[in-house]
Amino acid sequence: MPKAKPTQVIVHRIELQEKEREYLETLQTTQSLKNIGIASAGASVPLLGFLGYKVFKKWKLQEEGTMLDFLSNEGREKLKERAKEVGFFGGLREVLFDPFGVNPFW
């Protein structure tokens, strides 16, 4: 059996008092600050990783490393010397798994 159509419309309204509005504004501000903190923490992870790599390269290898060593003549010479040191398969492994020499764990 079908329902009867409504004969009236009732509107419910929720009104906040002044103190409740202040609480909501404070909540909104704290949520915004939290979101900014999370975003800045996420953005700092790659930067800290790169700085850690640079420190490791300088400390362990006593040289300033860059990901684009192969673009300069001296960088290519270093890569050729490294290929002579590690042999064909070691060089192949470095080219395949770490072409820019940025992995500090090899």
PDB file of N, CA and C in Angstrom:
ATOM      1  N   MET A   1       0.845  -1.160   0.000  1.00  0.00           N
ATOM      2  CA  MET A   1       0.000   0.000   0.000  1.00  0.00           C
ATOM      3  C   MET A   1       0.906   1.244   0.000  1.00  0.00           C
ATOM      4  N   PRO A   2       0.702   2.187  -0.899  1.00  0.00           N
ATOM      5  CA  PRO A   2       1.558   3.372  -0.985  1.00  0.00           C
ATOM      6  C   PRO A   2       1.351   4.302   0.206  1.00  0.00           C
ATOM      7  N   LYS A   3       2.422   5.050   0.486  1.00  0.00           N
ATOM      8  CA  LYS A   3       2.359   6.017   1.585  1.00  0.00           C
ATOM      9  C   LYS A   3       1.621   7.260   1.123  1.00  0.00           C
ATOM     10  N   ALA A   4       1.025   7.931   2.083  1.00  0.00           N
ATOM     11  CA  ALA A   4       0.343   9.192   1.774  1.00  0.00           C
ATOM     12  C   ALA A   4       1.380  10.299   1.641  1.00  0.00           C
ATOM     13  N   LYS A   5       1.118  11.251   0.783  1.00  0.00           N
ATOM     14  CA  LYS A   5       2.026  12.373   0.610  1.00  0.00           C
ATOM     15  C   LYS A   5       2.002  13.237   1.865  1.00  0.00           C
ATOM     16  N   PRO A   6       3.170  13.844   2.194  1.00  0.00           N
ATOM     17  CA  PRO A   6       3.195  14.683   3.398  1.00  0.00           C
ATOM     18  C   PRO A   6       2.318  15.918   3.223  1.00  0.00           C
ATOM     19  N   THR A   7       1.704  16.317   4.314  1.00  0.00           N
ATOM     20  CA  THR A   7       0.828  17.497   4.280  1.00  0.00           C
ATOM     21  C   THR A   7       1.540  18.741   4.767  1.00  0.00           C
ATOM     22  N   GLN A   8       2.670  18.573   5.450  1.00  0.00           N
ATOM     23  CA  GLN A   8       3.415  19.739   5.935  1.00  0.00           C
ATOM     24  C   GLN A   8       4.918  19.440   5.942  1.00  0.00           C
ATOM     25  N   VAL A   9       5.706  20.492   5.921  1.00  0.00           N
ATOM     26  CA  VAL A   9       7.160  20.374   5.951  1.00  0.00           C
ATOM     27  C   VAL A   9       7.643  21.011   7.244  1.00  0.00           C
ATOM     28  N   ILE A  10       8.419  20.281   8.005  1.00  0.00           N
ATOM     29  CA  ILE A  10       8.964  20.796   9.259  1.00  0.00           C
ATOM     30  C   ILE A  10      10.456  21.010   9.070  1.00  0.00           C
ATOM     31  N   VAL A  11      10.923  22.200   9.367  1.00  0.00           N
ATOM     32  CA  VAL A  11      12.332  22.552   9.246  1.00  0.00           C
ATOM     33  C   VAL A  11      12.935  22.639  10.643  1.00  0.00           C
ATOM     34  N   HIS A  12      14.046  21.914  10.840  1.00  0.00           N
ATOM     35  CA  HIS A  12      14.748  21.962  12.116  1.00  0.00           C
ATOM     36  C   HIS A  12      16.017  22.784  11.905  1.00  0.00           C
ATOM     37  N   ARG A  13      16.275  23.683  12.798  1.00  0.00           N
ATOM     38  CA  ARG A  13      17.452  24.539  12.723  1.00  0.00           C
ATOM     39  C   ARG A  13      18.256  24.404  13.995  1.00  0.00           C
ATOM     40  N   ILE A  14      19.559  24.271  13.826  1.00  0.00           N
ATOM     41  CA  ILE A  14      20.435  24.213  14.994  1.00  0.00           C
ATOM     42  C   ILE A  14      21.200  25.528  15.038  1.00  0.00           C
ATOM     43  N   GLU A  15      21.078  26.220  16.126  1.00  0.00           N
ATOM     44  CA  GLU A  15      21.774  27.500  16.286  1.00  0.00           C
ATOM     45  C   GLU A  15      22.809  27.351  17.380  1.00  0.00           C
ATOM     46  N   LEU A  16      23.960  27.970  17.146  1.00  0.00           N
ATOM     47  CA  LEU A  16      25.035  27.918  18.115  1.00  0.00           C
ATOM     48  C   LEU A  16      25.077  29.216  18.910  1.00  0.00           C
ATOM     49  N   GLN A  17      25.466  29.068  20.143  1.00  0.00           N
ATOM     50  CA  GLN A  17      25.636  30.254  20.946  1.00  0.00           C
ATOM     51  C   GLN A  17      27.037  30.813  20.705  1.00  0.00           C
ATOM     52  N   GLU A  18      27.312  31.963  21.281  1.00  0.00           N
ATOM     53  CA  GLU A  18      28.593  32.651  21.055  1.00  0.00           C
ATOM     54  C   GLU A  18      29.772  31.797  21.517  1.00  0.00           C
ATOM     55  N   LYS A  19      29.647  31.155  22.660  1.00  0.00           N
ATOM     56  CA  LYS A  19      30.737  30.341  23.197  1.00  0.00           C
ATOM     57  C   LYS A  19      31.009  29.134  22.296  1.00  0.00           C
ATOM     58  N   GLU A  20      29.970  28.506  21.783  1.00  0.00           N
ATOM     59  CA  GLU A  20      30.143  27.362  20.894  1.00  0.00           C
ATOM     60  C   GLU A  20      30.802  27.777  19.584  1.00  0.00           C
ATOM     61  N   ARG A  21      30.499  28.952  19.081  1.00  0.00           N
ATOM     62  CA  ARG A  21      31.153  29.466  17.871  1.00  0.00           C
ATOM     63  C   ARG A  21      32.638  29.684  18.117  1.00  0.00           C
ATOM     64  N   GLU A  22      33.000  30.197  19.283  1.00  0.00           N
ATOM     65  CA  GLU A  22      34.417  30.381  19.626  1.00  0.00           C
ATOM     66  C   GLU A  22      35.140  29.040  19.656  1.00  0.00           C
ATOM     67  N   TYR A  23      34.499  28.022  20.228  1.00  0.00           N
ATOM     68  CA  TYR A  23      35.107  26.695  20.259  1.00  0.00           C
ATOM     69  C   TYR A  23      35.335  26.165  18.845  1.00  0.00           C
ATOM     70  N   LEU A  24      34.377  26.370  17.965  1.00  0.00           N
ATOM     71  CA  LEU A  24      34.526  25.899  16.590  1.00  0.00           C
ATOM     72  C   LEU A  24      35.629  26.656  15.853  1.00  0.00           C
ATOM     73  N   GLU A  25      35.769  27.937  16.098  1.00  0.00           N
ATOM     74  CA  GLU A  25      36.851  28.703  15.468  1.00  0.00           C
ATOM     75  C   GLU A  25      38.210  28.210  15.957  1.00  0.00           C
ATOM     76  N   THR A  26      38.306  27.919  17.251  1.00  0.00           N
ATOM     77  CA  THR A  26      39.555  27.385  17.799  1.00  0.00           C
ATOM     78  C   THR A  26      39.872  26.023  17.192  1.00  0.00           C
ATOM     79  N   LEU A  27      38.866  25.167  17.067  1.00  0.00           N
ATOM     80  CA  LEU A  27      39.049  23.855  16.457  1.00  0.00           C
ATOM     81  C   LEU A  27      39.508  23.984  15.007  1.00  0.00           C
ATOM     82  N   GLN A  28      38.923  24.914  14.285  1.00  0.00           N
ATOM     83  CA  GLN A  28      39.297  25.123  12.886  1.00  0.00           C
ATOM     84  C   GLN A  28      40.758  25.583  12.785  1.00  0.00           C
ATOM     85  N   THR A  29      41.180  26.472  13.665  1.00  0.00           N
ATOM     86  CA  THR A  29      42.559  26.955  13.650  1.00  0.00           C
ATOM     87  C   THR A  29      43.537  25.834  13.970  1.00  0.00           C
ATOM     88  N   THR A  30      43.229  25.030  14.977  1.00  0.00           N
ATOM     89  CA  THR A  30      44.146  23.945  15.338  1.00  0.00           C
ATOM     90  C   THR A  30      44.223  22.897  14.233  1.00  0.00           C
ATOM     91  N   GLN A  31      43.121  22.608  13.575  1.00  0.00           N
ATOM     92  CA  GLN A  31      43.147  21.654  12.463  1.00  0.00           C
ATOM     93  C   GLN A  31      43.987  22.184  11.302  1.00  0.00           C
ATOM     94  N   SER A  32      43.889  23.480  11.035  1.00  0.00           N
ATOM     95  CA  SER A  32      44.688  24.074   9.964  1.00  0.00           C
ATOM     96  C   SER A  32      46.171  24.003  10.299  1.00  0.00           C
ATOM     97  N   LEU A  33      46.535  24.295  11.536  1.00  0.00           N
ATOM     98  CA  LEU A  33      47.937  24.205  11.947  1.00  0.00           C
ATOM     99  C   LEU A  33      48.452  22.772  11.869  1.00  0.00           C
ATOM    100  N   LYS A  34      47.612  21.828  12.243  1.00  0.00           N
ATOM    101  CA  LYS A  34      47.997  20.421  12.157  1.00  0.00           C
ATOM    102  C   LYS A  34      48.250  20.021  10.705  1.00  0.00           C
ATOM    103  N   ASN A  35      47.382  20.450   9.795  1.00  0.00           N
ATOM    104  CA  ASN A  35      47.546  20.119   8.379  1.00  0.00           C
ATOM    105  C   ASN A  35      48.813  20.741   7.805  1.00  0.00           C
ATOM    106  N   ILE A  36      49.125  21.954   8.219  1.00  0.00           N
ATOM    107  CA  ILE A  36      50.351  22.609   7.749  1.00  0.00           C
ATOM    108  C   ILE A  36      51.573  21.858   8.273  1.00  0.00           C
ATOM    109  N   GLY A  37      51.532  21.429   9.522  1.00  0.00           N
ATOM    110  CA  GLY A  37      52.647  20.676  10.095  1.00  0.00           C
ATOM    111  C   GLY A  37      52.868  19.350   9.394  1.00  0.00           C
ATOM    112  N   ILE A  38      51.797  18.652   9.075  1.00  0.00           N
ATOM    113  CA  ILE A  38      51.926  17.370   8.376  1.00  0.00           C
ATOM    114  C   ILE A  38      52.501  17.575   6.987  1.00  0.00           C
ATOM    115  N   ALA A  39      52.043  18.610   6.284  1.00  0.00           N
ATOM    116  CA  ALA A  39      52.553  18.881   4.936  1.00  0.00           C
ATOM    117  C   ALA A  39      54.027  19.258   4.963  1.00  0.00           C
ATOM    118  N   SER A  40      54.422  20.069   5.926  1.00  0.00           N
ATOM    119  CA  SER A  40      55.833  20.465   5.990  1.00  0.00           C
ATOM    120  C   SER A  40      56.716  19.286   6.376  1.00  0.00           C
ATOM    121  N   ALA A  41      56.221  18.402   7.229  1.00  0.00           N
ATOM    122  CA  ALA A  41      57.005  17.210   7.584  1.00  0.00           C
ATOM    123  C   ALA A  41      57.173  16.303   6.373  1.00  0.00           C
ATOM    124  N   GLY A  42      56.120  16.147   5.587  1.00  0.00           N
ATOM    125  CA  GLY A  42      56.209  15.324   4.383  1.00  0.00           C
ATOM    126  C   GLY A  42      57.140  15.919   3.344  1.00  0.00           C
ATOM    127  N   ALA A  43      57.165  17.233   3.245  1.00  0.00           N
ATOM    128  CA  ALA A  43      58.038  17.879   2.273  1.00  0.00           C
ATOM    129  C   ALA A  43      59.494  17.849   2.710  1.00  0.00           C
ATOM    130  N   SER A  44      59.742  17.745   3.995  1.00  0.00           N
ATOM    131  CA  SER A  44      61.125  17.763   4.467  1.00  0.00           C
ATOM    132  C   SER A  44      61.816  16.408   4.341  1.00  0.00           C
ATOM    133  N   VAL A  45      61.071  15.328   4.154  1.00  0.00           N
ATOM    134  CA  VAL A  45      61.678  13.997   4.075  1.00  0.00           C
ATOM    135  C   VAL A  45      62.647  13.876   2.893  1.00  0.00           C
ATOM    136  N   PRO A  46      62.266  14.253   1.661  1.00  0.00           N
ATOM    137  CA  PRO A  46      63.248  14.153   0.565  1.00  0.00           C
ATOM    138  C   PRO A  46      64.448  15.068   0.768  1.00  0.00           C
ATOM    139  N   LEU A  47      64.223  16.238   1.321  1.00  0.00           N
ATOM    140  CA  LEU A  47      65.325  17.167   1.567  1.00  0.00           C
ATOM    141  C   LEU A  47      66.313  16.580   2.572  1.00  0.00           C
ATOM    142  N   LEU A  48      65.816  16.009   3.648  1.00  0.00           N
ATOM    143  CA  LEU A  48      66.700  15.396   4.641  1.00  0.00           C
ATOM    144  C   LEU A  48      67.421  14.173   4.076  1.00  0.00           C
ATOM    145  N   GLY A  49      66.747  13.420   3.222  1.00  0.00           N
ATOM    146  CA  GLY A  49      67.393  12.283   2.582  1.00  0.00           C
ATOM    147  C   GLY A  49      68.538  12.716   1.688  1.00  0.00           C
ATOM    148  N   PHE A  50      68.325  13.771   0.913  1.00  0.00           N
ATOM    149  CA  PHE A  50      69.388  14.269   0.037  1.00  0.00           C
ATOM    150  C   PHE A  50      70.552  14.809   0.850  1.00  0.00           C
ATOM    151  N   LEU A  51      70.254  15.553   1.920  1.00  0.00           N
ATOM    152  CA  LEU A  51      71.332  16.069   2.764  1.00  0.00           C
ATOM    153  C   LEU A  51      72.097  14.934   3.436  1.00  0.00           C
ATOM    154  N   GLY A  52      71.388  13.884   3.840  1.00  0.00           N
ATOM    155  CA  GLY A  52      72.056  12.725   4.418  1.00  0.00           C
ATOM    156  C   GLY A  52      72.986  12.056   3.411  1.00  0.00           C
ATOM    157  N   TYR A  53      72.542  11.971   2.176  1.00  0.00           N
ATOM    158  CA  TYR A  53      73.391  11.398   1.126  1.00  0.00           C
ATOM    159  C   TYR A  53      74.643  12.235   0.928  1.00  0.00           C
ATOM    160  N   LYS A  54      74.471  13.560   0.881  1.00  0.00           N
ATOM    161  CA  LYS A  54      75.626  14.441   0.665  1.00  0.00           C
ATOM    162  C   LYS A  54      76.617  14.317   1.826  1.00  0.00           C
ATOM    163  N   VAL A  55      76.122  14.246   3.053  1.00  0.00           N
ATOM    164  CA  VAL A  55      77.000  14.112   4.213  1.00  0.00           C
ATOM    165  C   VAL A  55      77.731  12.770   4.166  1.00  0.00           C
ATOM    166  N   PHE A  56      77.001  11.704   3.818  1.00  0.00           N
ATOM    167  CA  PHE A  56      77.631  10.392   3.726  1.00  0.00           C
ATOM    168  C   PHE A  56      78.727  10.387   2.670  1.00  0.00           C
ATOM    169  N   LYS A  57      78.429  10.949   1.519  1.00  0.00           N
ATOM    170  CA  LYS A  57      79.404  10.962   0.423  1.00  0.00           C
ATOM    171  C   LYS A  57      80.656  11.722   0.840  1.00  0.00           C
ATOM    172  N   LYS A  58      80.485  12.854   1.501  1.00  0.00           N
ATOM    173  CA  LYS A  58      81.625  13.657   1.925  1.00  0.00           C
ATOM    174  C   LYS A  58      82.401  12.954   3.040  1.00  0.00           C
ATOM    175  N   TRP A  59      81.701  12.322   3.983  1.00  0.00           N
ATOM    176  CA  TRP A  59      82.352  11.688   5.128  1.00  0.00           C
ATOM    177  C   TRP A  59      83.039  10.391   4.717  1.00  0.00           C
ATOM    178  N   LYS A  60      82.333   9.532   3.999  1.00  0.00           N
ATOM    179  CA  LYS A  60      82.853   8.206   3.706  1.00  0.00           C
ATOM    180  C   LYS A  60      83.822   8.205   2.525  1.00  0.00           C
ATOM    181  N   LEU A  61      83.488   8.937   1.474  1.00  0.00           N
ATOM    182  CA  LEU A  61      84.290   8.879   0.248  1.00  0.00           C
ATOM    183  C   LEU A  61      85.227  10.073   0.101  1.00  0.00           C
ATOM    184  N   GLN A  62      85.136  11.030   1.001  1.00  0.00           N
ATOM    185  CA  GLN A  62      85.986  12.225   0.979  1.00  0.00           C
ATOM    186  C   GLN A  62      85.894  12.970  -0.350  1.00  0.00           C
ATOM    187  N   GLU A  63      84.724  13.005  -0.930  1.00  0.00           N
ATOM    188  CA  GLU A  63      84.513  13.770  -2.157  1.00  0.00           C
ATOM    189  C   GLU A  63      83.105  14.328  -2.175  1.00  0.00           C
ATOM    190  N   GLU A  64      82.924  15.373  -2.911  1.00  0.00           N
ATOM    191  CA  GLU A  64      81.608  15.990  -3.044  1.00  0.00           C
ATOM    192  C   GLU A  64      80.870  15.271  -4.164  1.00  0.00           C
ATOM    193  N   GLY A  65      79.804  14.600  -3.839  1.00  0.00           N
ATOM    194  CA  GLY A  65      79.089  13.828  -4.845  1.00  0.00           C
ATOM    195  C   GLY A  65      77.959  14.609  -5.473  1.00  0.00           C
ATOM    196  N   THR A  66      77.671  14.255  -6.696  1.00  0.00           N
ATOM    197  CA  THR A  66      76.521  14.833  -7.375  1.00  0.00           C
ATOM    198  C   THR A  66      75.871  13.745  -8.217  1.00  0.00           C
ATOM    199  N   MET A  67      74.605  13.867  -8.452  1.00  0.00           N
ATOM    200  CA  MET A  67      73.904  12.866  -9.241  1.00  0.00           C
ATOM    201  C   MET A  67      74.239  12.991 -10.722  1.00  0.00           C
ATOM    202  N   LEU A  68      74.783  14.101 -11.131  1.00  0.00           N
ATOM    203  CA  LEU A  68      75.034  14.328 -12.550  1.00  0.00           C
ATOM    204  C   LEU A  68      76.527  14.353 -12.852  1.00  0.00           C
ATOM    205  N   ASP A  69      77.296  13.457 -12.218  1.00  0.00           N
ATOM    206  CA  ASP A  69      78.739  13.401 -12.453  1.00  0.00           C
ATOM    207  C   ASP A  69      79.074  13.092 -13.909  1.00  0.00           C
ATOM    208  N   PHE A  70      78.218  12.334 -14.578  1.00  0.00           N
ATOM    209  CA  PHE A  70      78.528  11.901 -15.931  1.00  0.00           C
ATOM    210  C   PHE A  70      78.442  13.029 -16.954  1.00  0.00           C
ATOM    211  N   LEU A  71      77.949  14.207 -16.574  1.00  0.00           N
ATOM    212  CA  LEU A  71      77.851  15.308 -17.524  1.00  0.00           C
ATOM    213  C   LEU A  71      79.157  16.077 -17.689  1.00  0.00           C
ATOM    214  N   SER A  72      80.046  15.988 -16.717  1.00  0.00           N
ATOM    215  CA  SER A  72      81.317  16.708 -16.826  1.00  0.00           C
ATOM    216  C   SER A  72      82.421  15.738 -17.252  1.00  0.00           C
ATOM    217  N   ASN A  73      83.485  16.279 -17.815  1.00  0.00           N
ATOM    218  CA  ASN A  73      84.597  15.438 -18.250  1.00  0.00           C
ATOM    219  C   ASN A  73      85.242  14.709 -17.076  1.00  0.00           C
ATOM    220  N   GLU A  74      85.498  15.436 -16.005  1.00  0.00           N
ATOM    221  CA  GLU A  74      86.128  14.786 -14.852  1.00  0.00           C
ATOM    222  C   GLU A  74      85.208  13.757 -14.219  1.00  0.00           C
ATOM    223  N   GLY A  75      83.914  14.002 -14.271  1.00  0.00           N
ATOM    224  CA  GLY A  75      82.968  13.020 -13.747  1.00  0.00           C
ATOM    225  C   GLY A  75      82.980  11.748 -14.577  1.00  0.00           C
ATOM    226  N   ARG A  76      83.053  11.885 -15.892  1.00  0.00           N
ATOM    227  CA  ARG A  76      83.123  10.702 -16.763  1.00  0.00           C
ATOM    228  C   ARG A  76      84.427   9.941 -16.537  1.00  0.00           C
ATOM    229  N   GLU A  77      85.519  10.673 -16.315  1.00  0.00           N
ATOM    230  CA  GLU A  77      86.794  10.012 -16.040  1.00  0.00           C
ATOM    231  C   GLU A  77      86.714   9.212 -14.736  1.00  0.00           C
ATOM    232  N   LYS A  78      86.054   9.783 -13.726  1.00  0.00           N
ATOM    233  CA  LYS A  78      85.884   9.056 -12.465  1.00  0.00           C
ATOM    234  C   LYS A  78      85.067   7.786 -12.674  1.00  0.00           C
ATOM    235  N   LEU A  79      84.031   7.884 -13.518  1.00  0.00           N
ATOM    236  CA  LEU A  79      83.202   6.708 -13.784  1.00  0.00           C
ATOM    237  C   LEU A  79      83.995   5.641 -14.530  1.00  0.00           C
ATOM    238  N   LYS A  80      84.854   6.051 -15.463  1.00  0.00           N
ATOM    239  CA  LYS A  80      85.680   5.081 -16.193  1.00  0.00           C
ATOM    240  C   LYS A  80      86.668   4.403 -15.248  1.00  0.00           C
ATOM    241  N   GLU A  81      87.288   5.172 -14.349  1.00  0.00           N
ATOM    242  CA  GLU A  81      88.208   4.590 -13.376  1.00  0.00           C
ATOM    243  C   GLU A  81      87.476   3.609 -12.464  1.00  0.00           C
ATOM    244  N   ARG A  82      86.290   3.968 -12.074  1.00  0.00           N
ATOM    245  CA  ARG A  82      85.493   3.089 -11.208  1.00  0.00           C
ATOM    246  C   ARG A  82      85.151   1.800 -11.944  1.00  0.00           C
ATOM    247  N   ALA A  83      84.840   1.897 -13.232  1.00  0.00           N
ATOM    248  CA  ALA A  83      84.530   0.700 -14.009  1.00  0.00           C
ATOM    249  C   ALA A  83      85.748  -0.211 -14.104  1.00  0.00           C
ATOM    250  N   LYS A  84      86.927   0.366 -14.199  1.00  0.00           N
ATOM    251  CA  LYS A  84      88.150  -0.452 -14.233  1.00  0.00           C
ATOM    252  C   LYS A  84      88.367  -1.144 -12.887  1.00  0.00           C
ATOM    253  N   GLU A  85      88.029  -0.486 -11.787  1.00  0.00           N
ATOM    254  CA  GLU A  85      88.238  -1.051 -10.452  1.00  0.00           C
ATOM    255  C   GLU A  85      87.310  -2.229 -10.173  1.00  0.00           C
ATOM    256  N   VAL A  86      86.037  -2.068 -10.486  1.00  0.00           N
ATOM    257  CA  VAL A  86      85.049  -3.073 -10.090  1.00  0.00           C
ATOM    258  C   VAL A  86      84.832  -4.133 -11.157  1.00  0.00           C
ATOM    259  N   GLY A  87      85.366  -3.985 -12.345  1.00  0.00           N
ATOM    260  CA  GLY A  87      85.206  -4.975 -13.398  1.00  0.00           C
ATOM    261  C   GLY A  87      83.887  -4.822 -14.134  1.00  0.00           C
ATOM    262  N   PHE A  88      83.695  -5.726 -15.098  1.00  0.00           N
ATOM    263  CA  PHE A  88      82.525  -5.613 -15.968  1.00  0.00           C
ATOM    264  C   PHE A  88      81.223  -5.830 -15.212  1.00  0.00           C
ATOM    265  N   PHE A  89      81.133  -6.933 -14.458  1.00  0.00           N
ATOM    266  CA  PHE A  89      79.866  -7.250 -13.790  1.00  0.00           C
ATOM    267  C   PHE A  89      79.571  -6.282 -12.646  1.00  0.00           C
ATOM    268  N   GLY A  90      80.596  -5.831 -11.954  1.00  0.00           N
ATOM    269  CA  GLY A  90      80.377  -4.826 -10.923  1.00  0.00           C
ATOM    270  C   GLY A  90      79.909  -3.512 -11.526  1.00  0.00           C
ATOM    271  N   GLY A  91      80.508  -3.154 -12.663  1.00  0.00           N
ATOM    272  CA  GLY A  91      80.068  -1.945 -13.360  1.00  0.00           C
ATOM    273  C   GLY A  91      78.664  -2.083 -13.901  1.00  0.00           C
ATOM    274  N   LEU A  92      78.340  -3.273 -14.413  1.00  0.00           N
ATOM    275  CA  LEU A  92      76.988  -3.524 -14.920  1.00  0.00           C
ATOM    276  C   LEU A  92      75.971  -3.425 -13.787  1.00  0.00           C
ATOM    277  N   ARG A  93      76.326  -3.991 -12.620  1.00  0.00           N
ATOM    278  CA  ARG A  93      75.429  -3.902 -11.463  1.00  0.00           C
ATOM    279  C   ARG A  93      75.202  -2.441 -11.069  1.00  0.00           C
ATOM    280  N   GLU A  94      76.278  -1.647 -11.054  1.00  0.00           N
ATOM    281  CA  GLU A  94      76.138  -0.239 -10.685  1.00  0.00           C
ATOM    282  C   GLU A  94      75.312   0.523 -11.711  1.00  0.00           C
ATOM    283  N   VAL A  95      75.506   0.204 -12.990  1.00  0.00           N
ATOM    284  CA  VAL A  95      74.749   0.909 -14.035  1.00  0.00           C
ATOM    285  C   VAL A  95      73.273   0.550 -13.964  1.00  0.00           C
ATOM    286  N   LEU A  96      72.977  -0.729 -13.700  1.00  0.00           N
ATOM    287  CA  LEU A  96      71.576  -1.156 -13.676  1.00  0.00           C
ATOM    288  C   LEU A  96      70.846  -0.717 -12.409  1.00  0.00           C
ATOM    289  N   PHE A  97      71.503  -0.860 -11.259  1.00  0.00           N
ATOM    290  CA  PHE A  97      70.804  -0.634 -10.001  1.00  0.00           C
ATOM    291  C   PHE A  97      71.102   0.719  -9.369  1.00  0.00           C
ATOM    292  N   ASP A  98      72.169   1.369  -9.792  1.00  0.00           N
ATOM    293  CA  ASP A  98      72.529   2.659  -9.197  1.00  0.00           C
ATOM    294  C   ASP A  98      73.242   3.519 -10.245  1.00  0.00           C
ATOM    295  N   PRO A  99      72.533   3.924 -11.291  1.00  0.00           N
ATOM    296  CA  PRO A  99      73.204   4.605 -12.404  1.00  0.00           C
ATOM    297  C   PRO A  99      73.794   5.962 -12.027  1.00  0.00           C
ATOM    298  N   PHE A 100      73.241   6.633 -11.048  1.00  0.00           N
ATOM    299  CA  PHE A 100      73.747   7.957 -10.689  1.00  0.00           C
ATOM    300  C   PHE A 100      74.679   7.925  -9.488  1.00  0.00           C
ATOM    301  N   GLY A 101      74.876   6.774  -8.893  1.00  0.00           N
ATOM    302  CA  GLY A 101      75.751   6.667  -7.745  1.00  0.00           C
ATOM    303  C   GLY A 101      75.189   7.337  -6.501  1.00  0.00           C
ATOM    304  N   VAL A 102      73.870   7.305  -6.357  1.00  0.00           N
ATOM    305  CA  VAL A 102      73.256   7.987  -5.214  1.00  0.00           C
ATOM    306  C   VAL A 102      72.929   7.019  -4.075  1.00  0.00           C
ATOM    307  N   ASN A 103      73.021   5.722  -4.315  1.00  0.00           N
ATOM    308  CA  ASN A 103      72.704   4.770  -3.265  1.00  0.00           C
ATOM    309  C   ASN A 103      73.913   4.593  -2.356  1.00  0.00           C
ATOM    310  N   PRO A 104      73.865   5.024  -1.114  1.00  0.00           N
ATOM    311  CA  PRO A 104      75.033   4.925  -0.237  1.00  0.00           C
ATOM    312  C   PRO A 104      75.296   3.524   0.268  1.00  0.00           C
ATOM    313  N   PHE A 105      74.410   2.553  -0.010  1.00  0.00           N
ATOM    314  CA  PHE A 105      74.558   1.221   0.522  1.00  0.00           C
ATOM    315  C   PHE A 105      75.289   0.269  -0.420  1.00  0.00           C
ATOM    316  N   TRP A 106      75.673   0.704  -1.609  1.00  0.00           N
ATOM    317  CA  TRP A 106      76.426  -0.174  -2.527  1.00  0.00           C
ATOM    318  C   TRP A 106      77.851  -0.164  -2.143  1.00  0.00           C
TER     319      TRP A 106
END
